Amino acid sequence: MPLEIQGLEKNTQSQPADGAKFMDFVKGFVGDVNDIQLNSGKMIDAFAAGEVTDVHQVMVASQEAGLALDLLLEVRNRTMEAFQEIMRMQV
């Protein structure tokens, strides 16, 4: 006989749980950051090959990629801090 905890019910709705929504958000954000990083790499390669002559476009793409990565790391750090704080809570 499975252990039943009073007051907790299974989520049988067709909508995803909040955790799934957050996971989809994180996956999308990581994908966007990856795309920005790849675009920046392509711009740098094109500049090195002489295809792009505007150094400002290359620098903007590079800075955008750096800021996106910094934001991703900060979101990860804050999420880990929140998780660790929740784990320290006494029930």
PDB file of N, CA and C in Angstrom:
ATOM      1  N   MET A   1       0.851  -1.183   0.000  1.00  0.00           N
ATOM      2  CA  MET A   1       0.000   0.000   0.000  1.00  0.00           C
ATOM      3  C   MET A   1       0.890   1.236   0.000  1.00  0.00           C
ATOM      4  N   PRO A   2       0.709   2.156  -0.953  1.00  0.00           N
ATOM      5  CA  PRO A   2       1.566   3.340  -1.025  1.00  0.00           C
ATOM      6  C   PRO A   2       1.307   4.289   0.129  1.00  0.00           C
ATOM      7  N   LEU A   3       2.348   4.991   0.492  1.00  0.00           N
ATOM      8  CA  LEU A   3       2.262   5.978   1.560  1.00  0.00           C
ATOM      9  C   LEU A   3       1.495   7.187   1.058  1.00  0.00           C
ATOM     10  N   GLU A   4       0.455   7.572   1.786  1.00  0.00           N
ATOM     11  CA  GLU A   4      -0.345   8.730   1.382  1.00  0.00           C
ATOM     12  C   GLU A   4      -0.143   9.837   2.400  1.00  0.00           C
ATOM     13  N   ILE A   5       0.099  11.022   1.897  1.00  0.00           N
ATOM     14  CA  ILE A   5       0.254  12.185   2.762  1.00  0.00           C
ATOM     15  C   ILE A   5      -1.005  13.019   2.640  1.00  0.00           C
ATOM     16  N   GLN A   6      -1.621  13.290   3.769  1.00  0.00           N
ATOM     17  CA  GLN A   6      -2.873  14.016   3.772  1.00  0.00           C
ATOM     18  C   GLN A   6      -2.650  15.454   3.322  1.00  0.00           C
ATOM     19  N   GLY A   7      -3.511  15.944   2.455  1.00  0.00           N
ATOM     20  CA  GLY A   7      -3.429  17.319   1.999  1.00  0.00           C
ATOM     21  C   GLY A   7      -2.667  17.488   0.696  1.00  0.00           C
ATOM     22  N   LEU A   8      -1.943  16.474   0.267  1.00  0.00           N
ATOM     23  CA  LEU A   8      -1.223  16.563  -1.005  1.00  0.00           C
ATOM     24  C   LEU A   8      -1.982  15.763  -2.039  1.00  0.00           C
ATOM     25  N   GLU A   9      -2.237  16.380  -3.159  1.00  0.00           N
ATOM     26  CA  GLU A   9      -2.959  15.702  -4.225  1.00  0.00           C
ATOM     27  C   GLU A   9      -2.114  15.736  -5.483  1.00  0.00           C
ATOM     28  N   LYS A  10      -2.300  14.753  -6.317  1.00  0.00           N
ATOM     29  CA  LYS A  10      -1.601  14.726  -7.603  1.00  0.00           C
ATOM     30  C   LYS A  10      -2.159  15.809  -8.504  1.00  0.00           C
ATOM     31  N   ASN A  11      -1.290  16.390  -9.277  1.00  0.00           N
ATOM     32  CA  ASN A  11      -1.704  17.382 -10.255  1.00  0.00           C
ATOM     33  C   ASN A  11      -2.134  16.648 -11.511  1.00  0.00           C
ATOM     34  N   THR A  12      -3.451  16.495 -11.706  1.00  0.00           N
ATOM     35  CA  THR A  12      -3.957  15.749 -12.849  1.00  0.00           C
ATOM     36  C   THR A  12      -4.426  16.662 -13.960  1.00  0.00           C
ATOM     37  N   GLN A  13      -4.196  17.959 -13.829  1.00  0.00           N
ATOM     38  CA  GLN A  13      -4.604  18.885 -14.871  1.00  0.00           C
ATOM     39  C   GLN A  13      -3.702  18.723 -16.081  1.00  0.00           C
ATOM     40  N   SER A  14      -4.194  19.141 -17.238  1.00  0.00           N
ATOM     41  CA  SER A  14      -3.411  19.008 -18.459  1.00  0.00           C
ATOM     42  C   SER A  14      -2.342  20.094 -18.581  1.00  0.00           C
ATOM     43  N   GLN A  15      -2.414  21.135 -17.748  1.00  0.00           N
ATOM     44  CA  GLN A  15      -1.417  22.194 -17.806  1.00  0.00           C
ATOM     45  C   GLN A  15      -0.156  21.756 -17.066  1.00  0.00           C
ATOM     46  N   PRO A  16       1.018  22.194 -17.555  1.00  0.00           N
ATOM     47  CA  PRO A  16       2.256  21.803 -16.874  1.00  0.00           C
ATOM     48  C   PRO A  16       2.372  22.485 -15.514  1.00  0.00           C
ATOM     49  N   ALA A  17       3.106  21.854 -14.617  1.00  0.00           N
ATOM     50  CA  ALA A  17       3.334  22.426 -13.296  1.00  0.00           C
ATOM     51  C   ALA A  17       4.241  23.637 -13.430  1.00  0.00           C
ATOM     52  N   ASP A  18       4.323  24.447 -12.376  1.00  0.00           N
ATOM     53  CA  ASP A  18       5.168  25.636 -12.403  1.00  0.00           C
ATOM     54  C   ASP A  18       6.621  25.271 -12.646  1.00  0.00           C
ATOM     55  N   GLY A  19       7.063  24.140 -12.124  1.00  0.00           N
ATOM     56  CA  GLY A  19       8.433  23.699 -12.346  1.00  0.00           C
ATOM     57  C   GLY A  19       8.710  23.446 -13.819  1.00  0.00           C
ATOM     58  N   ALA A  20       7.730  22.885 -14.520  1.00  0.00           N
ATOM     59  CA  ALA A  20       7.900  22.627 -15.950  1.00  0.00           C
ATOM     60  C   ALA A  20       7.943  23.932 -16.729  1.00  0.00           C
ATOM     61  N   LYS A  21       7.144  24.912 -16.318  1.00  0.00           N
ATOM     62  CA  LYS A  21       7.159  26.215 -16.982  1.00  0.00           C
ATOM     63  C   LYS A  21       8.522  26.876 -16.795  1.00  0.00           C
ATOM     64  N   PHE A  22       9.047  26.801 -15.579  1.00  0.00           N
ATOM     65  CA  PHE A  22      10.349  27.396 -15.306  1.00  0.00           C
ATOM     66  C   PHE A  22      11.432  26.681 -16.099  1.00  0.00           C
ATOM     67  N   MET A  23      11.339  25.365 -16.190  1.00  0.00           N
ATOM     68  CA  MET A  23      12.329  24.592 -16.946  1.00  0.00           C
ATOM     69  C   MET A  23      12.278  24.963 -18.419  1.00  0.00           C
ATOM     70  N   ASP A  24      11.077  25.144 -18.967  1.00  0.00           N
ATOM     71  CA  ASP A  24      10.955  25.563 -20.369  1.00  0.00           C
ATOM     72  C   ASP A  24      11.549  26.952 -20.570  1.00  0.00           C
ATOM     73  N   PHE A  25      11.324  27.843 -19.599  1.00  0.00           N
ATOM     74  CA  PHE A  25      11.893  29.189 -19.665  1.00  0.00           C
ATOM     75  C   PHE A  25      13.416  29.125 -19.666  1.00  0.00           C
ATOM     76  N   VAL A  26      13.973  28.314 -18.794  1.00  0.00           N
ATOM     77  CA  VAL A  26      15.432  28.198 -18.699  1.00  0.00           C
ATOM     78  C   VAL A  26      16.001  27.600 -19.981  1.00  0.00           C
ATOM     79  N   LYS A  27      15.363  26.551 -20.504  1.00  0.00           N
ATOM     80  CA  LYS A  27      15.831  25.944 -21.752  1.00  0.00           C
ATOM     81  C   LYS A  27      15.799  26.949 -22.898  1.00  0.00           C
ATOM     82  N   GLY A  28      14.734  27.719 -22.984  1.00  0.00           N
ATOM     83  CA  GLY A  28      14.637  28.737 -24.026  1.00  0.00           C
ATOM     84  C   GLY A  28      15.697  29.815 -23.872  1.00  0.00           C
ATOM     85  N   PHE A  29      15.933  30.222 -22.631  1.00  0.00           N
ATOM     86  CA  PHE A  29      16.929  31.259 -22.364  1.00  0.00           C
ATOM     87  C   PHE A  29      18.332  30.763 -22.699  1.00  0.00           C
ATOM     88  N   VAL A  30      18.636  29.537 -22.331  1.00  0.00           N
ATOM     89  CA  VAL A  30      19.953  28.967 -22.649  1.00  0.00           C
ATOM     90  C   VAL A  30      20.108  28.854 -24.162  1.00  0.00           C
ATOM     91  N   GLY A  31      19.057  28.460 -24.855  1.00  0.00           N
ATOM     92  CA  GLY A  31      19.102  28.383 -26.311  1.00  0.00           C
ATOM     93  C   GLY A  31      19.335  29.746 -26.951  1.00  0.00           C
ATOM     94  N   ASP A  32      18.671  30.774 -26.420  1.00  0.00           N
ATOM     95  CA  ASP A  32      18.861  32.128 -26.935  1.00  0.00           C
ATOM     96  C   ASP A  32      20.289  32.607 -26.712  1.00  0.00           C
ATOM     97  N   VAL A  33      20.834  32.350 -25.538  1.00  0.00           N
ATOM     98  CA  VAL A  33      22.213  32.752 -25.246  1.00  0.00           C
ATOM     99  C   VAL A  33      23.172  32.019 -26.173  1.00  0.00           C
ATOM    100  N   ASN A  34      22.920  30.749 -26.417  1.00  0.00           N
ATOM    101  CA  ASN A  34      23.754  29.984 -27.337  1.00  0.00           C
ATOM    102  C   ASN A  34      23.706  30.577 -28.742  1.00  0.00           C
ATOM    103  N   ASP A  35      22.508  30.944 -29.204  1.00  0.00           N
ATOM    104  CA  ASP A  35      22.377  31.551 -30.529  1.00  0.00           C
ATOM    105  C   ASP A  35      23.142  32.872 -30.608  1.00  0.00           C
ATOM    106  N   ILE A  36      23.069  33.670 -29.560  1.00  0.00           N
ATOM    107  CA  ILE A  36      23.786  34.946 -29.531  1.00  0.00           C
ATOM    108  C   ILE A  36      25.287  34.701 -29.560  1.00  0.00           C
ATOM    109  N   GLN A  37      25.753  33.699 -28.809  1.00  0.00           N
ATOM    110  CA  GLN A  37      27.175  33.371 -28.798  1.00  0.00           C
ATOM    111  C   GLN A  37      27.643  32.906 -30.184  1.00  0.00           C
ATOM    112  N   LEU A  38      26.844  32.069 -30.823  1.00  0.00           N
ATOM    113  CA  LEU A  38      27.199  31.582 -32.162  1.00  0.00           C
ATOM    114  C   LEU A  38      27.230  32.721 -33.177  1.00  0.00           C
ATOM    115  N   ASN A  39      26.257  33.632 -33.086  1.00  0.00           N
ATOM    116  CA  ASN A  39      26.220  34.782 -33.976  1.00  0.00           C
ATOM    117  C   ASN A  39      27.458  35.653 -33.778  1.00  0.00           C
ATOM    118  N   SER A  40      27.848  35.848 -32.541  1.00  0.00           N
ATOM    119  CA  SER A  40      29.039  36.638 -32.255  1.00  0.00           C
ATOM    120  C   SER A  40      30.281  35.977 -32.841  1.00  0.00           C
ATOM    121  N   GLY A  41      30.384  34.678 -32.700  1.00  0.00           N
ATOM    122  CA  GLY A  41      31.511  33.945 -33.275  1.00  0.00           C
ATOM    123  C   GLY A  41      31.567  34.066 -34.784  1.00  0.00           C
ATOM    124  N   LYS A  42      30.392  33.990 -35.428  1.00  0.00           N
ATOM    125  CA  LYS A  42      30.340  34.134 -36.878  1.00  0.00           C
ATOM    126  C   LYS A  42      30.754  35.535 -37.315  1.00  0.00           C
ATOM    127  N   MET A  43      30.329  36.544 -36.539  1.00  0.00           N
ATOM    128  CA  MET A  43      30.705  37.926 -36.859  1.00  0.00           C
ATOM    129  C   MET A  43      32.212  38.113 -36.725  1.00  0.00           C
ATOM    130  N   ILE A  44      32.800  37.534 -35.703  1.00  0.00           N
ATOM    131  CA  ILE A  44      34.251  37.652 -35.511  1.00  0.00           C
ATOM    132  C   ILE A  44      34.989  36.943 -36.641  1.00  0.00           C
ATOM    133  N   ASP A  45      34.508  35.761 -37.014  1.00  0.00           N
ATOM    134  CA  ASP A  45      35.137  35.026 -38.126  1.00  0.00           C
ATOM    135  C   ASP A  45      35.019  35.800 -39.437  1.00  0.00           C
ATOM    136  N   ALA A  46      33.840  36.393 -39.666  1.00  0.00           N
ATOM    137  CA  ALA A  46      33.632  37.167 -40.891  1.00  0.00           C
ATOM    138  C   ALA A  46      34.531  38.407 -40.907  1.00  0.00           C
ATOM    139  N   PHE A  47      34.707  39.025 -39.746  1.00  0.00           N
ATOM    140  CA  PHE A  47      35.585  40.191 -39.666  1.00  0.00           C
ATOM    141  C   PHE A  47      37.033  39.799 -39.935  1.00  0.00           C
ATOM    142  N   ALA A  48      37.441  38.665 -39.387  1.00  0.00           N
ATOM    143  CA  ALA A  48      38.813  38.193 -39.598  1.00  0.00           C
ATOM    144  C   ALA A  48      39.054  37.823 -41.060  1.00  0.00           C
ATOM    145  N   ALA A  49      37.989  37.352 -41.732  1.00  0.00           N
ATOM    146  CA  ALA A  49      38.119  36.982 -43.141  1.00  0.00           C
ATOM    147  C   ALA A  49      37.977  38.183 -44.069  1.00  0.00           C
ATOM    148  N   GLY A  50      37.640  39.343 -43.516  1.00  0.00           N
ATOM    149  CA  GLY A  50      37.503  40.545 -44.327  1.00  0.00           C
ATOM    150  C   GLY A  50      36.130  40.726 -44.934  1.00  0.00           C
ATOM    151  N   GLU A  51      35.164  39.885 -44.573  1.00  0.00           N
ATOM    152  CA  GLU A  51      33.810  39.987 -45.117  1.00  0.00           C
ATOM    153  C   GLU A  51      33.031  41.127 -44.487  1.00  0.00           C
ATOM    154  N   VAL A  52      33.288  41.417 -43.227  1.00  0.00           N
ATOM    155  CA  VAL A  52      32.629  42.508 -42.513  1.00  0.00           C
ATOM    156  C   VAL A  52      33.677  43.578 -42.266  1.00  0.00           C
ATOM    157  N   THR A  53      33.364  44.800 -42.701  1.00  0.00           N
ATOM    158  CA  THR A  53      34.341  45.883 -42.529  1.00  0.00           C
ATOM    159  C   THR A  53      33.971  46.814 -41.389  1.00  0.00           C
ATOM    160  N   ASP A  54      32.751  46.701 -40.864  1.00  0.00           N
ATOM    161  CA  ASP A  54      32.320  47.583 -39.779  1.00  0.00           C
ATOM    162  C   ASP A  54      32.672  46.944 -38.428  1.00  0.00           C
ATOM    163  N   VAL A  55      33.719  47.447 -37.816  1.00  0.00           N
ATOM    164  CA  VAL A  55      34.176  46.895 -36.545  1.00  0.00           C
ATOM    165  C   VAL A  55      33.148  47.134 -35.436  1.00  0.00           C
ATOM    166  N   HIS A  56      32.314  48.161 -35.595  1.00  0.00           N
ATOM    167  CA  HIS A  56      31.302  48.453 -34.577  1.00  0.00           C
ATOM    168  C   HIS A  56      30.275  47.324 -34.473  1.00  0.00           C
ATOM    169  N   GLN A  57      29.876  46.770 -35.616  1.00  0.00           N
ATOM    170  CA  GLN A  57      28.933  45.652 -35.594  1.00  0.00           C
ATOM    171  C   GLN A  57      29.522  44.452 -34.869  1.00  0.00           C
ATOM    172  N   VAL A  58      30.792  44.206 -35.114  1.00  0.00           N
ATOM    173  CA  VAL A  58      31.460  43.071 -34.482  1.00  0.00           C
ATOM    174  C   VAL A  58      31.553  43.290 -32.976  1.00  0.00           C
ATOM    175  N   MET A  59      31.903  44.496 -32.566  1.00  0.00           N
ATOM    176  CA  MET A  59      32.032  44.795 -31.135  1.00  0.00           C
ATOM    177  C   MET A  59      30.680  44.736 -30.435  1.00  0.00           C
ATOM    178  N   VAL A  60      29.644  45.224 -31.095  1.00  0.00           N
ATOM    179  CA  VAL A  60      28.304  45.172 -30.502  1.00  0.00           C
ATOM    180  C   VAL A  60      27.865  43.719 -30.326  1.00  0.00           C
ATOM    181  N   ALA A  61      28.097  42.891 -31.334  1.00  0.00           N
ATOM    182  CA  ALA A  61      27.731  41.474 -31.236  1.00  0.00           C
ATOM    183  C   ALA A  61      28.518  40.789 -30.125  1.00  0.00           C
ATOM    184  N   SER A  62      29.790  41.144 -30.012  1.00  0.00           N
ATOM    185  CA  SER A  62      30.628  40.548 -28.970  1.00  0.00           C
ATOM    186  C   SER A  62      30.175  40.969 -27.577  1.00  0.00           C
ATOM    187  N   GLN A  63      29.875  42.244 -27.410  1.00  0.00           N
ATOM    188  CA  GLN A  63      29.409  42.733 -26.109  1.00  0.00           C
ATOM    189  C   GLN A  63      28.038  42.159 -25.756  1.00  0.00           C
ATOM    190  N   GLU A  64      27.173  42.037 -26.760  1.00  0.00           N
ATOM    191  CA  GLU A  64      25.856  41.448 -26.526  1.00  0.00           C
ATOM    192  C   GLU A  64      25.996  40.002 -26.048  1.00  0.00           C
ATOM    193  N   ALA A  65      26.896  39.267 -26.666  1.00  0.00           N
ATOM    194  CA  ALA A  65      27.124  37.878 -26.264  1.00  0.00           C
ATOM    195  C   ALA A  65      27.678  37.815 -24.848  1.00  0.00           C
ATOM    196  N   GLY A  66      28.588  38.721 -24.525  1.00  0.00           N
ATOM    197  CA  GLY A  66      29.150  38.743 -23.174  1.00  0.00           C
ATOM    198  C   GLY A  66      28.109  39.076 -22.127  1.00  0.00           C
ATOM    199  N   LEU A  67      27.258  40.057 -22.409  1.00  0.00           N
ATOM    200  CA  LEU A  67      26.207  40.434 -21.463  1.00  0.00           C
ATOM    201  C   LEU A  67      25.179  39.315 -21.293  1.00  0.00           C
ATOM    202  N   ALA A  68      24.841  38.648 -22.392  1.00  0.00           N
ATOM    203  CA  ALA A  68      23.884  37.540 -22.309  1.00  0.00           C
ATOM    204  C   ALA A  68      24.441  36.411 -21.452  1.00  0.00           C
ATOM    205  N   LEU A  69      25.722  36.121 -21.624  1.00  0.00           N
ATOM    206  CA  LEU A  69      26.346  35.076 -20.813  1.00  0.00           C
ATOM    207  C   LEU A  69      26.423  35.489 -19.345  1.00  0.00           C
ATOM    208  N   ASP A  70      26.755  36.744 -19.086  1.00  0.00           N
ATOM    209  CA  ASP A  70      26.785  37.231 -17.707  1.00  0.00           C
ATOM    210  C   ASP A  70      25.406  37.131 -17.057  1.00  0.00           C
ATOM    211  N   LEU A  71      24.367  37.484 -17.809  1.00  0.00           N
ATOM    212  CA  LEU A  71      23.009  37.383 -17.282  1.00  0.00           C
ATOM    213  C   LEU A  71      22.640  35.934 -16.998  1.00  0.00           C
ATOM    214  N   LEU A  72      22.993  35.038 -17.896  1.00  0.00           N
ATOM    215  CA  LEU A  72      22.715  33.614 -17.694  1.00  0.00           C
ATOM    216  C   LEU A  72      23.410  33.096 -16.440  1.00  0.00           C
ATOM    217  N   LEU A  73      24.654  33.476 -16.261  1.00  0.00           N
ATOM    218  CA  LEU A  73      25.394  33.035 -15.071  1.00  0.00           C
ATOM    219  C   LEU A  73      24.788  33.606 -13.797  1.00  0.00           C
ATOM    220  N   GLU A  74      24.342  34.851 -13.852  1.00  0.00           N
ATOM    221  CA  GLU A  74      23.736  35.460 -12.673  1.00  0.00           C
ATOM    222  C   GLU A  74      22.406  34.797 -12.328  1.00  0.00           C
ATOM    223  N   VAL A  75      21.618  34.469 -13.346  1.00  0.00           N
ATOM    224  CA  VAL A  75      20.356  33.755 -13.096  1.00  0.00           C
ATOM    225  C   VAL A  75      20.648  32.399 -12.480  1.00  0.00           C
ATOM    226  N   ARG A  76      21.672  31.706 -13.006  1.00  0.00           N
ATOM    227  CA  ARG A  76      22.057  30.418 -12.432  1.00  0.00           C
ATOM    228  C   ARG A  76      22.494  30.564 -10.982  1.00  0.00           C
ATOM    229  N   ASN A  77      23.325  31.569 -10.705  1.00  0.00           N
ATOM    230  CA  ASN A  77      23.804  31.776  -9.335  1.00  0.00           C
ATOM    231  C   ASN A  77      22.659  32.080  -8.386  1.00  0.00           C
ATOM    232  N   ARG A  78      21.752  32.938  -8.809  1.00  0.00           N
ATOM    233  CA  ARG A  78      20.607  33.279  -7.939  1.00  0.00           C
ATOM    234  C   ARG A  78      19.700  32.082  -7.726  1.00  0.00           C
ATOM    235  N   THR A  79      19.515  31.280  -8.754  1.00  0.00           N
ATOM    236  CA  THR A  79      18.688  30.084  -8.619  1.00  0.00           C
ATOM    237  C   THR A  79      19.331  29.101  -7.645  1.00  0.00           C
ATOM    238  N   MET A  80      20.626  28.926  -7.751  1.00  0.00           N
ATOM    239  CA  MET A  80      21.333  28.025  -6.835  1.00  0.00           C
ATOM    240  C   MET A  80      21.268  28.549  -5.399  1.00  0.00           C
ATOM    241  N   GLU A  81      21.413  29.859  -5.220  1.00  0.00           N
ATOM    242  CA  GLU A  81      21.303  30.438  -3.878  1.00  0.00           C
ATOM    243  C   GLU A  81      19.912  30.211  -3.300  1.00  0.00           C
ATOM    244  N   ALA A  82      18.878  30.385  -4.127  1.00  0.00           N
ATOM    245  CA  ALA A  82      17.512  30.163  -3.658  1.00  0.00           C
ATOM    246  C   ALA A  82      17.304  28.697  -3.295  1.00  0.00           C
ATOM    247  N   PHE A  83      17.816  27.794  -4.110  1.00  0.00           N
ATOM    248  CA  PHE A  83      17.693  26.365  -3.821  1.00  0.00           C
ATOM    249  C   PHE A  83      18.400  26.016  -2.517  1.00  0.00           C
ATOM    250  N   GLN A  84      19.606  26.543  -2.330  1.00  0.00           N
ATOM    251  CA  GLN A  84      20.345  26.261  -1.098  1.00  0.00           C
ATOM    252  C   GLN A  84      19.628  26.833   0.123  1.00  0.00           C
ATOM    253  N   GLU A  85      19.019  27.998  -0.042  1.00  0.00           N
ATOM    254  CA  GLU A  85      18.268  28.588   1.068  1.00  0.00           C
ATOM    255  C   GLU A  85      17.060  27.730   1.409  1.00  0.00           C
ATOM    256  N   ILE A  86      16.380  27.221   0.400  1.00  0.00           N
ATOM    257  CA  ILE A  86      15.228  26.340   0.640  1.00  0.00           C
ATOM    258  C   ILE A  86      15.674  25.063   1.333  1.00  0.00           C
ATOM    259  N   MET A  87      16.836  24.526   0.944  1.00  0.00           N
ATOM    260  CA  MET A  87      17.321  23.299   1.556  1.00  0.00           C
ATOM    261  C   MET A  87      17.728  23.510   3.020  1.00  0.00           C
ATOM    262  N   ARG A  88      18.105  24.728   3.379  1.00  0.00           N
ATOM    263  CA  ARG A  88      18.467  25.013   4.763  1.00  0.00           C
ATOM    264  C   ARG A  88      17.266  25.227   5.666  1.00  0.00           C
ATOM    265  N   MET A  89      16.091  25.436   5.059  1.00  0.00           N
ATOM    266  CA  MET A  89      14.881  25.664   5.866  1.00  0.00           C
ATOM    267  C   MET A  89      14.530  24.410   6.660  1.00  0.00           C
ATOM    268  N   GLN A  90      14.089  24.643   7.865  1.00  0.00           N
ATOM    269  CA  GLN A  90      13.648  23.528   8.700  1.00  0.00           C
ATOM    270  C   GLN A  90      12.149  23.413   8.588  1.00  0.00           C
ATOM    271  N   VAL A  91      11.709  22.187   8.412  1.00  0.00           N
ATOM    272  CA  VAL A  91      10.272  21.947   8.246  1.00  0.00           C
ATOM    273  C   VAL A  91       9.658  21.540   9.546  1.00  0.00           C
TER     274      VAL A  91
END
